Protein backbone atom coordinates (compact mmCIF):
# COMPACT_ATOMS: atom_id res chain seq x y z
CA MET A 1 19.04 2.37 1.40
CA LEU A 2 15.16 1.59 1.11
CA ASP A 3 13.49 3.23 -1.57
CA VAL A 4 10.51 5.42 -0.29
CA ARG A 5 8.38 4.85 -3.43
CA ARG A 6 8.66 1.14 -2.83
CA LEU A 7 7.76 1.62 0.79
CA ARG A 8 4.50 3.38 -0.30
CA LEU A 9 3.70 0.19 -2.50
CA LEU A 10 4.40 -2.14 0.47
CA ARG A 11 2.11 0.09 2.67
CA GLU A 12 -0.72 0.05 0.04
CA LEU A 13 -0.34 -3.80 -0.10
CA ALA A 14 -0.93 -3.95 3.54
CA HIS A 15 -4.14 -2.01 3.35
CA ARG A 16 -5.48 -3.20 0.03
CA GLY A 17 -4.63 -6.86 0.34
CA THR A 18 -3.80 -7.60 -3.33
CA ILE A 19 -1.16 -6.57 -5.84
CA ALA A 20 -3.96 -6.07 -8.34
CA ALA A 21 -5.69 -3.47 -6.04
CA VAL A 22 -2.34 -1.76 -5.49
CA ALA A 23 -1.88 -1.57 -9.16
CA GLU A 24 -5.22 0.02 -9.73
CA ALA A 25 -4.69 2.48 -6.90
CA VAL A 26 -1.37 3.78 -8.12
CA ALA A 27 -1.95 3.48 -11.94
CA PHE A 28 0.71 0.81 -12.32
CA THR A 29 0.44 -2.65 -13.90
CA PRO A 30 0.36 -5.49 -11.45
CA SER A 31 3.61 -6.79 -13.08
CA ALA A 32 5.26 -3.32 -12.39
CA VAL A 33 4.12 -3.59 -8.73
CA SER A 34 5.47 -7.02 -8.23
CA GLN A 35 8.79 -6.02 -9.67
CA GLN A 36 9.10 -3.06 -7.30
CA LEU A 37 8.28 -5.09 -4.28
CA THR A 38 10.70 -7.87 -5.36
CA ALA A 39 13.34 -4.96 -5.61
CA LEU A 40 12.14 -3.79 -2.05
CA GLU A 41 12.93 -7.27 -0.73
CA ARG A 42 16.46 -7.23 -2.16
CA GLU A 43 16.96 -3.84 -0.55
CA ALA A 44 15.78 -5.16 2.90
CA GLY A 45 17.66 -8.34 2.68
CA VAL A 46 14.80 -10.52 4.13
CA PRO A 47 11.70 -11.98 2.64
CA LEU A 48 8.76 -9.55 2.71
CA LEU A 49 6.17 -11.53 0.84
CA VAL A 50 4.85 -15.12 1.00
CA ARG A 51 3.51 -15.92 -2.47
CA THR A 52 0.84 -18.67 -2.77
CA GLY A 53 -0.14 -18.90 -6.26
CA ARG A 54 -1.64 -15.56 -7.29
CA ARG A 55 -1.97 -14.34 -3.71
CA VAL A 56 0.65 -12.78 -1.42
CA ALA A 57 0.81 -12.14 2.24
CA LEU A 58 3.14 -9.92 4.30
CA THR A 59 5.82 -11.57 6.49
CA PRO A 60 6.17 -10.38 10.07
CA ALA A 61 9.32 -8.42 8.93
CA ALA A 62 7.14 -6.67 6.13
CA ARG A 63 4.62 -5.75 8.86
CA ASN A 64 7.16 -4.25 11.02
CA LEU A 65 8.43 -2.41 7.95
CA VAL A 66 5.02 -1.01 7.11
CA ARG A 67 4.98 0.49 10.55
CA HIS A 68 8.27 2.24 10.07
CA ALA A 69 7.04 3.30 6.69
CA GLU A 70 4.11 5.03 8.12
CA ALA A 71 6.34 7.05 10.45
CA VAL A 72 8.81 7.76 7.56
CA LEU A 73 5.91 8.98 5.17
CA ALA A 74 4.41 11.08 8.04
CA GLN A 75 7.84 12.86 8.62
CA LEU A 76 8.02 13.46 4.76
CA GLU A 77 4.54 15.18 5.04
CA ARG A 78 5.84 17.47 7.74
CA ALA A 79 8.91 18.30 5.59
CA SER A 80 6.70 19.04 2.74
CA ALA A 81 4.46 21.27 4.89
CA GLU A 82 7.39 23.12 6.33
CA LEU A 83 8.61 23.96 2.71
CA ASP A 84 5.34 25.05 1.57
CA GLY A 85 4.97 27.19 4.65
CA ALA A 86 8.12 29.05 3.48
CA ARG A 87 6.38 30.43 0.48
CA ARG A 88 4.81 33.75 0.45
CA ASP A 89 1.59 33.01 -1.11
CA LEU A 90 -0.50 29.57 -1.29
CA SER A 91 -0.89 28.44 -4.78
CA GLY A 92 -1.65 25.24 -6.80
CA SER A 93 -4.38 22.68 -6.62
CA LEU A 94 -6.02 21.43 -3.37
CA ARG A 95 -7.95 18.15 -4.03
CA ILE A 96 -10.85 17.93 -1.67
CA GLY A 97 -13.27 15.00 -0.82
CA THR A 98 -16.76 15.63 0.78
CA PHE A 99 -19.85 13.59 1.50
CA PRO A 100 -23.13 15.00 0.10
CA SER A 101 -24.90 16.80 2.95
CA ALA A 102 -21.57 18.62 3.89
CA GLY A 103 -20.95 19.43 0.39
CA ARG A 104 -24.43 21.09 0.00
CA ALA A 105 -24.37 22.72 3.54
CA MET A 106 -20.65 23.94 3.96
CA MET A 107 -18.63 23.48 0.84
CA PRO A 108 -19.82 26.48 -1.21
CA ALA A 109 -19.38 29.00 1.56
CA ALA A 110 -16.02 27.54 2.58
CA LEU A 111 -14.70 27.53 -1.07
CA ALA A 112 -15.85 31.13 -1.33
CA GLU A 113 -14.00 32.05 1.86
CA LEU A 114 -10.89 30.10 0.70
CA GLY A 115 -10.86 32.03 -2.62
CA ARG A 116 -11.00 35.42 -0.83
CA ARG A 117 -8.14 34.45 1.52
CA HIS A 118 -5.99 32.58 -0.95
CA PRO A 119 -6.76 33.28 -4.65
CA GLY A 120 -3.87 31.45 -5.80
CA LEU A 121 -5.24 28.06 -4.48
CA GLU A 122 -7.33 26.00 -6.91
CA PRO A 123 -9.73 23.92 -4.84
CA MET A 124 -10.90 20.69 -6.73
CA VAL A 125 -13.94 18.89 -5.02
CA VAL A 126 -15.12 15.30 -5.41
CA GLU A 127 -18.07 13.70 -3.74
CA LEU A 128 -16.72 10.60 -2.01
CA ASP A 129 -18.27 8.15 0.60
CA PRO A 130 -16.14 8.61 3.68
CA ALA A 131 -15.26 4.95 3.88
CA LEU A 132 -13.19 5.45 0.68
CA VAL A 133 -11.40 8.59 1.93
CA PRO A 134 -8.45 6.81 3.67
CA ALA A 135 -7.39 5.03 0.70
CA ALA A 136 -7.66 8.05 -1.69
CA LEU A 137 -5.62 10.08 0.80
CA ARG A 138 -2.82 7.51 1.06
CA ALA A 139 -2.71 7.07 -2.82
CA GLY A 140 -2.52 10.80 -3.18
CA ASP A 141 -5.78 11.29 -5.12
CA LEU A 142 -6.85 13.60 -2.31
CA ASP A 143 -5.08 16.12 -0.13
CA VAL A 144 -7.91 16.66 2.42
CA ALA A 145 -11.54 15.41 2.81
CA LEU A 146 -14.52 15.59 5.07
CA VAL A 147 -15.49 12.49 6.96
CA HIS A 148 -17.83 11.71 9.63
CA GLU A 149 -18.85 9.14 12.31
CA TYR A 150 -22.01 8.77 14.56
CA ASP A 151 -22.23 8.24 18.32
CA PHE A 152 -23.51 4.80 17.75
CA ALA A 153 -21.07 4.10 14.96
CA PRO A 154 -17.56 5.35 15.75
CA VAL A 155 -14.81 4.79 13.19
CA PRO A 156 -11.28 3.90 14.17
CA LEU A 157 -8.45 5.85 12.56
CA GLU A 158 -6.63 4.11 9.88
CA PRO A 159 -2.69 3.99 9.96
CA GLY A 160 -1.36 7.08 8.06
CA ILE A 161 -4.49 8.99 8.33
CA ALA A 162 -5.18 11.87 10.93
CA VAL A 163 -8.20 14.12 11.57
CA ILE A 164 -9.06 17.62 12.60
CA PRO A 165 -12.42 18.02 14.53
CA LEU A 166 -14.93 20.25 12.68
CA CYS A 167 -18.41 20.13 14.31
CA ARG A 168 -21.09 18.00 15.81
CA GLU A 169 -24.61 18.17 14.39
CA ALA A 170 -27.76 16.67 16.01
CA MET A 171 -29.70 13.76 14.87
CA TYR A 172 -33.57 13.93 14.40
CA LEU A 173 -36.28 11.38 14.40
CA ALA A 174 -38.54 11.87 11.35
CA THR A 175 -42.13 10.67 11.62
CA THR A 176 -45.62 11.70 10.56
CA ASP A 177 -46.95 11.18 14.20
CA ALA A 178 -46.21 13.96 16.60
CA ALA A 179 -46.74 11.54 19.53
CA ARG A 180 -43.75 9.60 18.59
CA THR A 181 -40.90 11.53 20.16
CA ALA A 182 -38.33 8.81 20.79
CA VAL A 183 -36.70 5.91 18.73
CA ALA A 184 -38.42 3.42 21.32
CA ASP A 185 -41.86 4.66 20.44
CA CYS A 186 -41.24 3.53 16.74
CA ARG A 187 -40.50 -0.03 17.46
CA ASP A 188 -43.71 -1.15 15.62
CA GLN A 189 -43.06 1.28 12.64
CA PRO A 190 -41.36 0.39 9.34
CA TRP A 191 -37.98 2.04 9.06
CA ILE A 192 -36.14 3.77 6.17
CA LEU A 193 -32.29 3.22 6.58
CA SER A 194 -29.32 3.96 4.31
CA VAL A 195 -27.87 1.35 2.16
CA GLU A 196 -26.11 -1.60 4.07
CA GLY A 197 -22.64 -1.18 4.90
CA THR A 198 -22.78 2.66 5.34
CA LEU A 199 -22.17 4.26 8.81
CA CYS A 200 -25.68 5.73 8.70
CA HIS A 201 -27.22 2.21 8.42
CA ARG A 202 -25.11 0.88 11.20
CA MET A 203 -26.06 3.99 13.39
CA THR A 204 -29.68 3.51 13.01
CA LEU A 205 -29.56 -0.27 13.69
CA HIS A 206 -27.55 0.45 16.91
CA ALA A 207 -29.84 3.24 18.03
CA CYS A 208 -32.81 0.92 17.65
CA GLN A 209 -31.02 -1.93 19.40
CA ALA A 210 -30.15 0.42 22.24
CA ALA A 211 -33.76 1.17 22.49
CA GLY A 212 -34.64 -2.56 22.78
CA PHE A 213 -35.71 -3.73 19.38
CA THR A 214 -34.57 -4.60 15.92
CA PRO A 215 -36.03 -2.31 13.27
CA HIS A 216 -38.21 -3.65 10.50
CA VAL A 217 -36.57 -2.17 7.47
CA ARG A 218 -38.87 -1.34 4.39
CA HIS A 219 -36.50 0.81 2.35
CA HIS A 220 -32.67 1.30 1.88
CA ILE A 221 -32.19 5.04 0.76
CA ASP A 222 -29.01 7.12 1.00
CA ASP A 223 -30.39 10.48 -0.09
CA PHE A 224 -31.96 12.36 2.77
CA ALA A 225 -34.32 14.50 0.75
CA THR A 226 -35.63 11.19 -0.65
CA VAL A 227 -35.85 9.66 3.02
CA LEU A 228 -37.93 12.72 4.03
CA ALA A 229 -40.31 12.46 1.03
CA LEU A 230 -40.94 8.82 1.87
CA VAL A 231 -41.59 9.66 5.55
CA ALA A 232 -44.00 12.22 4.40
CA ALA A 233 -45.73 9.44 2.22
CA GLY A 234 -46.22 7.25 5.26
CA GLN A 235 -43.47 4.75 4.11
CA GLY A 236 -41.71 4.71 7.50
CA VAL A 237 -39.73 6.63 10.01
CA ALA A 238 -36.13 7.54 10.01
CA LEU A 239 -33.11 9.11 11.71
CA ILE A 240 -31.59 12.03 9.80
CA PRO A 241 -28.56 14.32 10.72
CA ARG A 242 -29.23 18.11 10.91
CA LEU A 243 -27.42 18.76 7.60
CA GLY A 244 -29.83 16.25 5.80
CA LEU A 245 -33.01 18.18 6.66
CA VAL A 246 -33.37 20.12 3.36
CA ASP A 247 -36.86 21.10 2.09
CA ARG A 248 -38.76 19.20 4.80
CA PRO A 249 -42.16 18.06 3.28
CA HIS A 250 -45.39 19.07 4.81
CA GLY A 251 -46.54 16.67 7.57
CA VAL A 252 -43.13 15.41 8.82
CA THR A 253 -42.50 15.90 12.50
CA LEU A 254 -38.96 16.20 13.50
CA THR A 255 -37.79 15.41 17.07
CA ARG A 256 -34.13 16.19 18.08
CA LEU A 257 -32.35 13.33 19.75
CA SER A 258 -29.44 13.26 22.04
CA ILE A 259 -27.22 11.36 19.65
CA GLY A 260 -25.19 13.11 17.08
CA ARG A 261 -23.00 13.04 13.96
CA HIS A 262 -19.43 14.21 14.11
CA THR A 263 -17.73 15.78 11.03
CA ARG A 264 -13.92 15.89 10.78
CA ILE A 265 -11.31 16.98 8.33
CA ALA A 266 -9.08 14.02 7.21
CA HIS A 267 -5.62 14.32 5.87
CA ARG A 268 -2.47 12.19 5.77
CA SER A 269 -0.53 11.96 8.94
CA GLY A 270 2.00 14.74 9.13
CA ALA A 271 -0.03 17.12 7.05
CA GLU A 272 -1.80 18.88 9.82
CA HIS A 273 0.42 21.91 9.54
CA HIS A 274 0.46 22.09 5.79
CA PRO A 275 -0.64 25.75 5.01
CA ALA A 276 -3.30 24.66 2.51
CA VAL A 277 -4.74 22.11 4.90
CA ARG A 278 -4.82 24.68 7.67
CA ALA A 279 -6.40 27.41 5.30
CA PHE A 280 -9.03 24.96 4.14
CA ALA A 281 -9.86 24.08 7.79
CA ASP A 282 -10.18 27.75 8.86
CA ALA A 283 -12.53 28.31 5.90
CA LEU A 284 -14.56 25.36 6.74
CA ARG A 285 -14.97 26.48 10.41
CA ALA A 286 -16.11 29.84 9.04
CA ALA A 287 -18.90 28.01 6.96
CA VAL A 288 -20.28 25.78 9.79
CA PRO A 289 -23.86 26.46 10.19
CA GLY A 290 -24.83 27.98 13.52
CA ASP A 291 -27.93 25.79 14.20
CA LEU A 292 -26.39 22.48 14.45
């Protein structure tokens, strides 16, 4: 019989790539992770890892086993959801991840609503880049999280992760020139983009390329309030989602574009019917602003 806890470690290795990264994620020592994976090989009866010095790679048999592990772990999530659904009242902690603009615009109202409906639940919120959410969910550090993607920067779902659609918000072009009402009108302007590697950075690059040019990037800023302040100071133009339009400075012109940002509620596969996940999703829907 294959040990489920060891299957989890093998799945983490498939996603994270190194035993050291797996050890850090699950709060084990690298030696302990190696011992558990060796024990899993004995249980499987076939080689699962190819060791080259300090590095390891998964064999084809291991990759097939990871695929089955995803299905097994999703079914265990469904079983846990069913058991929790048999309880009369929701209680215990609910670990929530959010990105900044959603945390500011929706989370306070959602948590207040959740508290009114389910006072026994203890929500615990952490701000997290959406790119880090899948690993945090798989490791059990989070139960649910808000993630997003843009029309010009879609994000494929990772194995073991599922999402519930929440809302779509419009994107706006922020400038100091009311005559510039399209991305193409700003080809000769300096641009303010998010930090490289973020979805917002990739979205803006793709939007400019779709308009026929590569932007001249002057600043890399993640905080939308700072971006708006820099636009007002004549430091460039930018694309900003609706939830990022807070305290717009005087002199900034905003033009609504056809592209948008999509916010989703991410959770482990199989947890979509967990009563706490459903309760949080319902509270979030009630908190979505009406002017997106």
